[in-house]
N, C-alpha and C. Protein backbone atom coordinates (compact mmCIF):
# COMPACT_ATOMS: atom_id res chain seq x y z
N MET A 1 0.05 5.22 -15.11
CA MET A 1 -0.83 6.29 -14.76
C MET A 1 -0.19 7.21 -13.76
N ASN A 2 -0.29 8.26 -13.52
CA ASN A 2 0.23 9.29 -12.59
C ASN A 2 -0.60 9.59 -11.60
N LYS A 3 -0.41 10.35 -10.67
CA LYS A 3 -1.26 10.40 -9.40
C LYS A 3 -2.65 11.20 -9.70
N LYS A 4 -2.62 12.20 -10.52
CA LYS A 4 -4.01 12.88 -11.03
C LYS A 4 -4.86 11.79 -11.75
N GLU A 5 -4.14 10.94 -12.67
CA GLU A 5 -4.98 9.85 -13.32
C GLU A 5 -5.54 9.04 -12.40
N LEU A 6 -4.68 8.47 -11.29
CA LEU A 6 -5.29 7.50 -10.31
C LEU A 6 -6.45 8.10 -9.62
N GLU A 7 -6.18 9.30 -9.06
CA GLU A 7 -7.37 9.90 -8.14
C GLU A 7 -8.52 9.92 -9.13
N LYS A 8 -8.51 10.24 -10.35
CA LYS A 8 -9.84 10.35 -11.20
C LYS A 8 -10.33 9.26 -11.52
N ARG A 9 -9.43 7.97 -11.82
CA ARG A 9 -9.99 6.69 -11.49
C ARG A 9 -10.63 6.22 -10.23
N MET A 10 -10.23 6.71 -9.21
CA MET A 10 -10.81 6.17 -8.10
C MET A 10 -12.09 7.07 -7.85
N ILE A 11 -12.17 8.06 -8.20
CA ILE A 11 -13.38 8.95 -8.25
C ILE A 11 -14.59 8.15 -9.34
N GLU A 12 -14.07 8.02 -10.37
CA GLU A 12 -14.99 7.27 -11.38
C GLU A 12 -15.49 5.95 -10.62
N LEU A 13 -14.55 5.17 -10.38
CA LEU A 13 -14.88 3.90 -9.63
C LEU A 13 -16.06 4.08 -8.64
N ASP A 14 -15.66 5.23 -7.80
CA ASP A 14 -16.64 5.51 -6.55
C ASP A 14 -18.11 5.62 -7.27
N THR A 15 -18.01 6.51 -8.18
CA THR A 15 -19.33 7.00 -8.66
C THR A 15 -20.22 5.84 -9.23
N ILE A 16 -19.55 5.00 -10.12
CA ILE A 16 -20.02 3.67 -10.55
C ILE A 16 -20.61 2.79 -9.33
N THR A 17 -19.85 2.74 -8.47
CA THR A 17 -20.20 1.86 -7.10
C THR A 17 -21.45 2.48 -6.47
N TYR A 18 -21.40 3.71 -6.35
CA TYR A 18 -22.35 4.34 -5.69
C TYR A 18 -23.76 4.19 -6.52
N ASP A 19 -23.69 4.13 -7.75
CA ASP A 19 -24.71 4.11 -8.69
C ASP A 19 -25.34 2.71 -8.67
N LEU A 20 -24.55 1.86 -8.38
CA LEU A 20 -24.96 0.35 -8.34
C LEU A 20 -25.33 -0.07 -6.77
N TYR A 21 -24.82 0.50 -5.91
CA TYR A 21 -24.92 0.28 -4.51
C TYR A 21 -25.28 1.50 -3.71
N PRO A 22 -26.42 2.25 -4.11
CA PRO A 22 -26.66 3.64 -3.17
C PRO A 22 -26.81 3.30 -1.84
N GLY A 23 -26.03 4.07 -1.13
CA GLY A 23 -26.26 4.11 0.49
C GLY A 23 -25.32 3.17 1.11
N LEU A 24 -24.58 2.21 0.18
CA LEU A 24 -23.80 1.35 0.86
C LEU A 24 -22.24 1.91 0.97
N THR A 25 -21.29 1.52 1.70
CA THR A 25 -20.05 1.87 1.84
C THR A 25 -18.97 0.61 1.77
N PHE A 26 -17.95 0.84 0.83
CA PHE A 26 -17.02 -0.51 0.95
C PHE A 26 -15.75 0.28 1.18
N GLU A 27 -14.73 -0.60 1.60
CA GLU A 27 -13.35 -0.21 1.88
C GLU A 27 -12.30 -0.67 0.70
N CYS A 28 -11.41 -0.02 0.61
CA CYS A 28 -10.27 -0.40 -0.30
C CYS A 28 -9.09 -0.26 0.35
N VAL A 29 -7.97 -1.23 0.35
CA VAL A 29 -6.61 -0.90 0.79
C VAL A 29 -5.80 -0.88 -0.47
N ILE A 30 -5.07 0.30 -0.75
CA ILE A 30 -4.27 0.48 -2.05
C ILE A 30 -2.79 0.29 -1.49
N VAL A 31 -1.90 -0.55 -2.15
CA VAL A 31 -0.63 -0.74 -1.54
C VAL A 31 0.35 -0.61 -2.84
N GLY A 32 1.74 -0.72 -2.59
CA GLY A 32 2.51 -0.83 -3.59
C GLY A 32 2.81 0.74 -4.34
N GLY A 33 3.17 0.85 -5.64
CA GLY A 33 3.37 2.06 -6.01
C GLY A 33 2.22 2.93 -6.05
N GLY A 34 0.96 2.66 -6.32
CA GLY A 34 -0.28 3.34 -6.18
C GLY A 34 -0.27 4.10 -4.70
N ALA A 35 0.02 3.48 -3.70
CA ALA A 35 0.05 3.89 -2.44
C ALA A 35 1.09 5.13 -2.29
N LEU A 36 2.28 4.82 -2.79
CA LEU A 36 3.43 5.77 -3.03
C LEU A 36 3.12 6.99 -3.67
N LEU A 37 2.42 6.75 -4.75
CA LEU A 37 1.80 7.83 -5.62
C LEU A 37 0.94 8.74 -4.64
N ILE A 38 -0.14 8.26 -4.29
CA ILE A 38 -1.10 8.83 -3.35
C ILE A 38 -0.40 9.77 -2.34
N LYS A 39 0.92 9.15 -1.49
CA LYS A 39 1.37 9.92 -0.44
C LYS A 39 2.40 10.73 -1.01
N ASP A 40 2.59 11.17 -2.42
CA ASP A 40 3.49 11.90 -2.83
C ASP A 40 5.07 11.57 -2.70
N ILE A 41 5.41 10.25 -2.60
CA ILE A 41 6.65 9.74 -2.42
C ILE A 41 7.25 9.54 -3.78
N ILE A 42 6.59 8.93 -4.62
CA ILE A 42 7.29 9.03 -6.07
C ILE A 42 6.11 9.65 -7.01
N SER A 43 6.72 9.89 -8.24
CA SER A 43 5.95 10.45 -9.38
C SER A 43 5.86 9.51 -10.53
N ARG A 44 6.62 8.56 -10.59
CA ARG A 44 6.72 7.64 -11.57
C ARG A 44 5.34 6.94 -11.73
N GLY A 45 5.18 6.74 -13.00
CA GLY A 45 3.68 6.32 -13.27
C GLY A 45 3.82 4.95 -12.83
N THR A 46 2.47 4.32 -12.85
CA THR A 46 2.33 2.82 -12.66
C THR A 46 1.30 2.24 -13.69
N LEU A 47 1.52 1.07 -14.01
CA LEU A 47 0.71 0.23 -14.87
C LEU A 47 -0.81 -0.10 -14.34
N ASP A 48 -0.49 -0.40 -13.10
CA ASP A 48 -2.03 -0.99 -12.43
C ASP A 48 -1.78 -0.47 -11.04
N VAL A 49 -2.81 -0.50 -10.36
CA VAL A 49 -2.79 -0.18 -8.82
C VAL A 49 -3.18 -1.61 -8.04
N ASP A 50 -2.34 -1.83 -7.29
CA ASP A 50 -2.25 -2.99 -6.46
C ASP A 50 -3.40 -2.94 -5.44
N VAL A 51 -4.17 -3.61 -5.09
CA VAL A 51 -5.15 -3.46 -4.04
C VAL A 51 -5.34 -4.71 -3.11
N LEU A 52 -4.75 -4.27 -1.89
CA LEU A 52 -4.64 -5.68 -0.97
C LEU A 52 -5.92 -6.13 -0.57
N GLU A 53 -6.83 -5.15 -0.14
CA GLU A 53 -8.23 -5.76 0.39
C GLU A 53 -9.31 -4.83 -0.28
N VAL A 54 -10.40 -5.32 -0.58
CA VAL A 54 -11.39 -4.59 -1.14
C VAL A 54 -12.93 -5.60 -0.94
N SER A 55 -13.78 -4.77 -0.68
CA SER A 55 -15.22 -5.74 -0.60
C SER A 55 -15.64 -6.56 -1.80
N LYS A 56 -15.91 -7.83 -1.52
CA LYS A 56 -16.01 -8.85 -2.60
C LYS A 56 -17.22 -8.33 -3.62
N GLU A 57 -18.07 -7.54 -2.88
CA GLU A 57 -19.07 -7.22 -3.74
C GLU A 57 -18.61 -6.12 -5.09
N VAL A 58 -17.45 -5.57 -4.68
CA VAL A 58 -17.25 -4.54 -5.72
C VAL A 58 -15.87 -4.75 -6.48
N GLU A 59 -15.12 -6.22 -6.05
CA GLU A 59 -13.91 -6.73 -6.60
C GLU A 59 -13.84 -6.55 -7.96
N GLU A 60 -14.77 -6.90 -8.90
CA GLU A 60 -14.53 -7.29 -10.28
C GLU A 60 -14.74 -5.93 -11.03
N LEU A 61 -15.49 -4.83 -10.34
CA LEU A 61 -15.48 -3.39 -10.92
C LEU A 61 -14.09 -2.81 -10.84
N PHE A 62 -13.31 -3.25 -10.23
CA PHE A 62 -11.88 -2.70 -9.87
C PHE A 62 -11.04 -3.13 -11.26
N ALA A 63 -11.17 -4.33 -11.41
CA ALA A 63 -10.37 -4.61 -12.80
C ALA A 63 -10.52 -4.09 -13.88
N GLY A 64 -11.46 -3.40 -14.18
CA GLY A 64 -11.98 -2.44 -15.33
C GLY A 64 -11.19 -1.33 -15.44
N PHE A 65 -10.85 -0.82 -14.26
CA PHE A 65 -10.12 0.36 -13.81
C PHE A 65 -8.59 0.23 -13.65
N ASP A 66 -7.99 -1.00 -14.09
CA ASP A 66 -6.46 -1.41 -13.87
C ASP A 66 -6.24 -1.50 -12.29
N PHE A 67 -7.03 -1.79 -11.39
CA PHE A 67 -6.97 -2.12 -10.21
C PHE A 67 -6.82 -3.61 -10.10
N ASN A 68 -5.62 -4.10 -9.60
CA ASN A 68 -5.26 -5.43 -9.42
C ASN A 68 -5.57 -5.88 -8.05
N THR A 69 -6.62 -6.68 -8.11
CA THR A 69 -7.06 -7.16 -6.63
C THR A 69 -6.58 -8.48 -6.50
N ARG A 70 -5.69 -9.02 -7.14
CA ARG A 70 -5.10 -10.49 -7.15
C ARG A 70 -3.89 -10.14 -6.54
N VAL A 71 -3.61 -9.75 -5.44
CA VAL A 71 -2.27 -9.37 -4.82
C VAL A 71 -2.27 -9.89 -3.35
N LYS A 72 -2.98 -10.99 -3.06
CA LYS A 72 -3.25 -11.63 -1.84
C LYS A 72 -1.82 -12.10 -1.23
N ALA A 73 -0.99 -12.51 -2.30
CA ALA A 73 0.48 -13.09 -1.80
C ALA A 73 1.28 -11.89 -1.09
N VAL A 74 0.91 -10.80 -1.37
CA VAL A 74 1.89 -9.84 -0.96
C VAL A 74 1.29 -9.55 0.57
N LEU A 75 0.39 -9.92 0.96
CA LEU A 75 -0.26 -9.96 2.33
C LEU A 75 0.82 -10.47 3.47
N ASP A 76 1.72 -11.21 2.79
CA ASP A 76 2.72 -11.77 3.69
C ASP A 76 3.86 -10.83 3.92
N CYS A 77 3.90 -9.91 3.15
CA CYS A 77 5.16 -8.78 3.31
C CYS A 77 4.81 -7.82 4.14
N PHE A 78 3.29 -7.73 4.77
CA PHE A 78 3.09 -6.59 5.82
C PHE A 78 2.82 -7.40 6.91
N PRO A 79 3.19 -6.56 7.98
CA PRO A 79 3.14 -6.97 9.60
C PRO A 79 1.64 -7.30 9.82
N TYR A 80 1.60 -8.37 10.65
CA TYR A 80 0.31 -8.75 10.87
C TYR A 80 -0.83 -7.69 11.25
N ASN A 81 -0.37 -6.66 11.92
CA ASN A 81 -1.18 -5.66 12.55
C ASN A 81 -1.36 -4.16 11.82
N TYR A 82 -0.90 -4.44 10.40
CA TYR A 82 -0.74 -3.29 9.73
C TYR A 82 -1.96 -2.49 9.65
N GLU A 83 -3.27 -3.08 9.80
CA GLU A 83 -4.54 -2.52 9.77
C GLU A 83 -4.81 -1.60 10.85
N ASP A 84 -4.14 -1.68 11.79
CA ASP A 84 -3.92 -0.65 12.92
C ASP A 84 -3.44 0.75 12.55
N ARG A 85 -3.01 0.62 11.47
CA ARG A 85 -2.31 1.81 10.94
C ARG A 85 -2.63 2.41 9.67
N ILE A 86 -3.47 2.13 9.16
CA ILE A 86 -4.22 2.29 7.85
C ILE A 86 -4.46 3.98 7.89
N GLU A 87 -4.33 4.48 6.61
CA GLU A 87 -4.67 6.01 6.49
C GLU A 87 -5.45 6.11 5.48
N LEU A 88 -6.81 6.79 5.78
CA LEU A 88 -7.66 7.37 4.78
C LEU A 88 -7.22 8.34 4.01
N VAL A 89 -7.32 7.90 2.57
CA VAL A 89 -7.13 8.77 1.51
C VAL A 89 -7.90 10.10 1.63
N SER A 90 -7.56 11.21 1.59
CA SER A 90 -8.26 12.41 1.39
C SER A 90 -8.86 12.54 -0.03
N LEU A 91 -9.78 12.10 -0.32
CA LEU A 91 -10.39 12.11 -1.56
C LEU A 91 -12.18 12.13 -1.40
N LYS A 92 -12.65 12.96 -1.88
CA LYS A 92 -14.07 13.09 -1.82
C LYS A 92 -15.07 12.25 -2.38
N THR A 93 -15.36 11.21 -1.82
CA THR A 93 -16.01 9.85 -2.25
C THR A 93 -17.45 9.71 -1.62
N LYS A 94 -18.13 8.99 -2.34
CA LYS A 94 -19.53 8.82 -1.64
C LYS A 94 -19.74 7.35 -1.32
N SER A 95 -19.08 6.45 -1.80
CA SER A 95 -19.39 5.21 -1.55
C SER A 95 -18.09 4.13 -1.30
N ILE A 96 -16.89 4.51 -1.65
CA ILE A 96 -15.70 3.73 -1.32
C ILE A 96 -14.56 4.52 -0.44
N LEU A 97 -14.16 3.92 0.61
CA LEU A 97 -13.42 4.58 1.32
C LEU A 97 -11.97 3.89 0.97
N TYR A 98 -11.17 4.78 0.45
CA TYR A 98 -9.93 4.47 0.00
C TYR A 98 -8.80 4.74 1.07
N TYR A 99 -7.83 3.61 1.46
CA TYR A 99 -6.77 3.66 2.57
C TYR A 99 -5.76 3.38 1.83
N THR A 100 -4.78 3.50 2.46
CA THR A 100 -3.32 3.03 2.31
C THR A 100 -2.48 2.68 3.68
N PRO A 101 -1.69 1.53 3.56
CA PRO A 101 -0.80 1.43 4.83
C PRO A 101 -0.15 2.78 5.08
N SER A 102 0.34 2.49 6.37
CA SER A 102 1.39 3.63 6.78
C SER A 102 2.50 3.62 5.96
N ILE A 103 3.42 4.80 6.00
CA ILE A 103 4.54 4.49 4.93
C ILE A 103 5.34 3.65 5.74
N GLU A 104 5.17 3.47 6.89
CA GLU A 104 6.23 2.45 7.69
C GLU A 104 5.87 1.05 7.50
N ASP A 105 4.57 0.70 7.32
CA ASP A 105 4.23 -0.48 6.82
C ASP A 105 4.65 -0.87 5.27
N LEU A 106 4.66 0.11 4.58
CA LEU A 106 4.82 0.03 3.24
C LEU A 106 6.29 -0.09 3.13
N ILE A 107 7.06 0.46 4.04
CA ILE A 107 8.70 0.26 3.91
C ILE A 107 9.04 -1.23 4.17
N VAL A 108 8.24 -1.63 5.15
CA VAL A 108 8.58 -3.18 5.50
C VAL A 108 8.10 -4.03 4.35
N SER A 109 6.98 -3.80 3.64
CA SER A 109 6.67 -4.69 2.45
C SER A 109 7.68 -4.38 1.31
N LYS A 110 8.18 -3.31 1.31
CA LYS A 110 9.23 -3.01 0.18
C LYS A 110 10.53 -3.79 0.58
N LEU A 111 10.80 -3.84 1.78
CA LEU A 111 11.99 -4.58 2.07
C LEU A 111 11.78 -6.01 1.98
N TYR A 112 10.48 -6.73 2.24
CA TYR A 112 10.44 -8.07 1.98
C TYR A 112 10.49 -8.33 0.56
N ALA A 113 10.00 -7.35 -0.23
CA ALA A 113 9.70 -7.91 -1.69
C ALA A 113 11.01 -7.62 -2.28
N TYR A 114 11.80 -6.64 -2.22
CA TYR A 114 12.95 -6.13 -2.56
C TYR A 114 13.29 -6.42 -3.93
N ARG A 115 12.58 -6.06 -4.98
CA ARG A 115 12.79 -5.99 -6.36
C ARG A 115 13.35 -4.92 -6.88
N GLY A 116 13.87 -4.45 -8.11
CA GLY A 116 14.33 -3.42 -8.53
C GLY A 116 13.48 -2.19 -8.10
N LYS A 117 12.47 -2.19 -8.53
CA LYS A 117 11.36 -1.01 -8.28
C LYS A 117 11.10 -0.75 -6.76
N ASP A 118 11.32 -1.76 -6.21
CA ASP A 118 11.09 -1.66 -4.65
C ASP A 118 12.51 -1.00 -3.99
N ILE A 119 13.62 -1.17 -4.48
CA ILE A 119 14.77 -0.60 -4.10
C ILE A 119 14.63 0.92 -4.26
N GLU A 120 14.23 1.14 -5.63
CA GLU A 120 14.08 2.58 -6.11
C GLU A 120 13.01 3.23 -5.02
N ASP A 121 12.01 2.59 -4.79
CA ASP A 121 10.92 3.35 -3.98
C ASP A 121 11.45 3.65 -2.58
N LEU A 122 12.33 2.48 -2.01
CA LEU A 122 13.06 2.78 -0.70
C LEU A 122 13.67 4.09 -0.80
N GLU A 123 14.58 4.31 -1.74
CA GLU A 123 15.60 5.23 -1.94
C GLU A 123 14.67 6.36 -1.91
N LYS A 124 13.52 6.47 -2.51
CA LYS A 124 12.75 7.72 -2.63
C LYS A 124 12.01 8.08 -1.21
N ILE A 125 11.57 7.08 -0.50
CA ILE A 125 11.04 7.09 0.78
C ILE A 125 11.97 7.85 1.57
N LYS A 126 13.27 7.05 1.75
CA LYS A 126 14.25 7.49 2.78
C LYS A 126 14.68 9.15 2.32
N LYS A 127 14.77 9.40 1.15
CA LYS A 127 15.07 10.76 0.59
C LYS A 127 13.93 11.54 1.16
N SER A 128 12.66 11.18 1.26
CA SER A 128 11.65 12.06 1.54
C SER A 128 11.51 12.42 2.99
N LYS A 129 12.23 11.72 3.58
CA LYS A 129 12.08 11.69 5.08
C LYS A 129 10.67 11.63 5.70
N LYS A 130 9.61 11.13 5.19
CA LYS A 130 8.36 11.07 5.43
C LYS A 130 7.82 10.09 6.26
N TYR A 131 8.93 9.56 6.93
CA TYR A 131 8.75 8.36 7.95
C TYR A 131 9.02 8.70 9.20
N ASN A 132 8.52 7.98 10.01
CA ASN A 132 8.74 7.94 11.78
C ASN A 132 9.78 7.05 12.03
N ARG A 133 10.97 7.33 12.33
CA ARG A 133 12.08 6.23 12.29
C ARG A 133 11.70 5.56 13.82
N ILE A 134 11.15 5.89 14.74
CA ILE A 134 10.86 5.40 15.97
C ILE A 134 9.53 4.14 15.63
N LEU A 135 8.83 4.53 14.98
CA LEU A 135 7.62 3.54 14.55
C LEU A 135 8.13 2.70 13.70
N LEU A 136 9.07 3.16 12.84
CA LEU A 136 9.57 2.06 11.79
C LEU A 136 10.22 1.13 12.39
N ASP A 137 11.18 1.27 13.44
CA ASP A 137 11.92 0.55 14.35
C ASP A 137 10.85 -0.57 14.97
N ARG A 138 9.67 0.02 15.60
CA ARG A 138 8.92 -0.89 16.13
C ARG A 138 8.16 -1.78 15.49
N ILE A 139 7.67 -1.46 14.04
CA ILE A 139 7.09 -1.99 13.13
C ILE A 139 8.05 -3.26 12.63
N VAL A 140 9.24 -2.91 12.44
CA VAL A 140 10.15 -3.93 11.93
C VAL A 140 10.40 -4.88 13.11
N THR A 141 10.39 -4.62 14.36
CA THR A 141 10.59 -5.58 15.23
C THR A 141 9.25 -6.36 15.30
N GLU A 142 8.21 -5.99 15.32
CA GLU A 142 6.79 -6.51 15.50
C GLU A 142 6.55 -7.55 14.34
N ALA A 143 7.22 -7.07 13.16
CA ALA A 143 7.19 -7.83 11.81
C ALA A 143 7.63 -9.60 11.85
N ARG A 144 8.32 -9.54 12.96
CA ARG A 144 8.84 -10.92 13.47
C ARG A 144 7.62 -11.84 13.79
N LEU A 145 6.62 -11.32 14.26
CA LEU A 145 5.25 -12.19 14.77
C LEU A 145 4.58 -12.58 13.52
N SER A 146 4.83 -11.89 12.59
CA SER A 146 4.04 -12.24 11.00
C SER A 146 4.81 -13.08 10.31
N ALA A 147 6.13 -13.13 10.34
CA ALA A 147 7.09 -13.47 9.11
C ALA A 147 6.72 -15.07 8.72
N ILE A 148 6.80 -15.25 7.61
CA ILE A 148 6.69 -16.75 7.20
C ILE A 148 7.64 -17.55 7.77
N THR A 149 8.90 -17.09 7.79
CA THR A 149 9.87 -17.98 8.59
C THR A 149 10.93 -17.07 9.07
N GLU A 150 11.70 -17.44 9.94
CA GLU A 150 12.88 -16.73 10.65
C GLU A 150 13.62 -16.28 9.79
N ARG A 151 14.28 -17.15 8.71
CA ARG A 151 15.01 -16.70 7.92
C ARG A 151 14.60 -15.47 7.02
N ARG A 152 13.37 -15.48 6.63
CA ARG A 152 12.95 -14.47 5.68
C ARG A 152 12.87 -13.01 6.60
N TYR A 153 12.46 -13.22 7.78
CA TYR A 153 12.40 -11.96 8.66
C TYR A 153 13.84 -11.55 8.86
N LEU A 154 14.76 -12.31 9.03
CA LEU A 154 16.18 -11.83 9.54
C LEU A 154 16.78 -11.08 8.09
N GLU A 155 16.38 -11.69 6.85
CA GLU A 155 16.77 -11.00 5.86
C GLU A 155 16.34 -9.89 5.50
N MET A 156 14.91 -9.47 5.78
CA MET A 156 14.37 -8.28 5.87
C MET A 156 14.99 -7.21 6.73
N VAL A 157 15.36 -7.63 8.10
CA VAL A 157 16.06 -6.98 8.92
C VAL A 157 17.26 -6.42 8.45
N ASP A 158 18.14 -7.26 8.23
CA ASP A 158 19.27 -7.14 7.42
C ASP A 158 19.23 -6.00 6.36
N LEU A 159 18.36 -6.13 5.44
CA LEU A 159 18.03 -5.13 4.40
C LEU A 159 17.55 -3.61 5.22
N TYR A 160 16.91 -3.77 6.13
CA TYR A 160 16.43 -2.61 6.74
C TYR A 160 17.68 -2.02 7.46
N ASN A 161 18.44 -2.62 8.10
CA ASN A 161 19.88 -2.06 8.67
C ASN A 161 20.64 -1.55 7.69
N GLY A 162 20.71 -2.11 6.57
CA GLY A 162 21.62 -1.63 5.56
C GLY A 162 21.04 -0.27 5.06
N PHE A 163 19.60 -0.36 4.68
CA PHE A 163 18.94 0.94 4.30
C PHE A 163 18.70 2.03 5.05
N PHE A 164 18.41 1.77 6.18
CA PHE A 164 17.89 2.92 7.12
C PHE A 164 18.74 3.02 8.16
N LYS A 165 19.49 2.49 8.49
CA LYS A 165 20.52 2.67 9.81
C LYS A 165 22.14 2.89 9.33
N GLU A 166 22.07 3.24 8.35
CA GLU A 166 23.69 3.75 7.76
C GLU A 166 24.30 4.85 8.27
């Protein structure tokens, strides 16, 4: 799905959620390619949308809209304090507040994952220049505090230095 289709699904999901839970508000953090689509970094389609966090009450609804809520394992790819930098998606909704991590936090997660599509995404992010280099440096340093292992952290830093400090 492209950005327009993603936003349409987000609004449809919000409408259904509002009908089921009038007056309640839920939060959803979109990561991966979906977040990069929302931020206009990539234009390639995505088969599903990775959701890092969503309220339990509405989690099952998301599956019917190709939102993958079973990505908790990637939480280890984000700095422990990424929530401090989440950004509200500018979309008119009634019931669901959609967020994405900052582009800098997404960079760190992509460096940790470092699969083929992550490398492509990192190249597009770099080319877009839509990141704050000073903030990125700080987040990469802070990521050490939440790294699973020192080795994994050092691998990520090495990739970061190769990608963004050339």
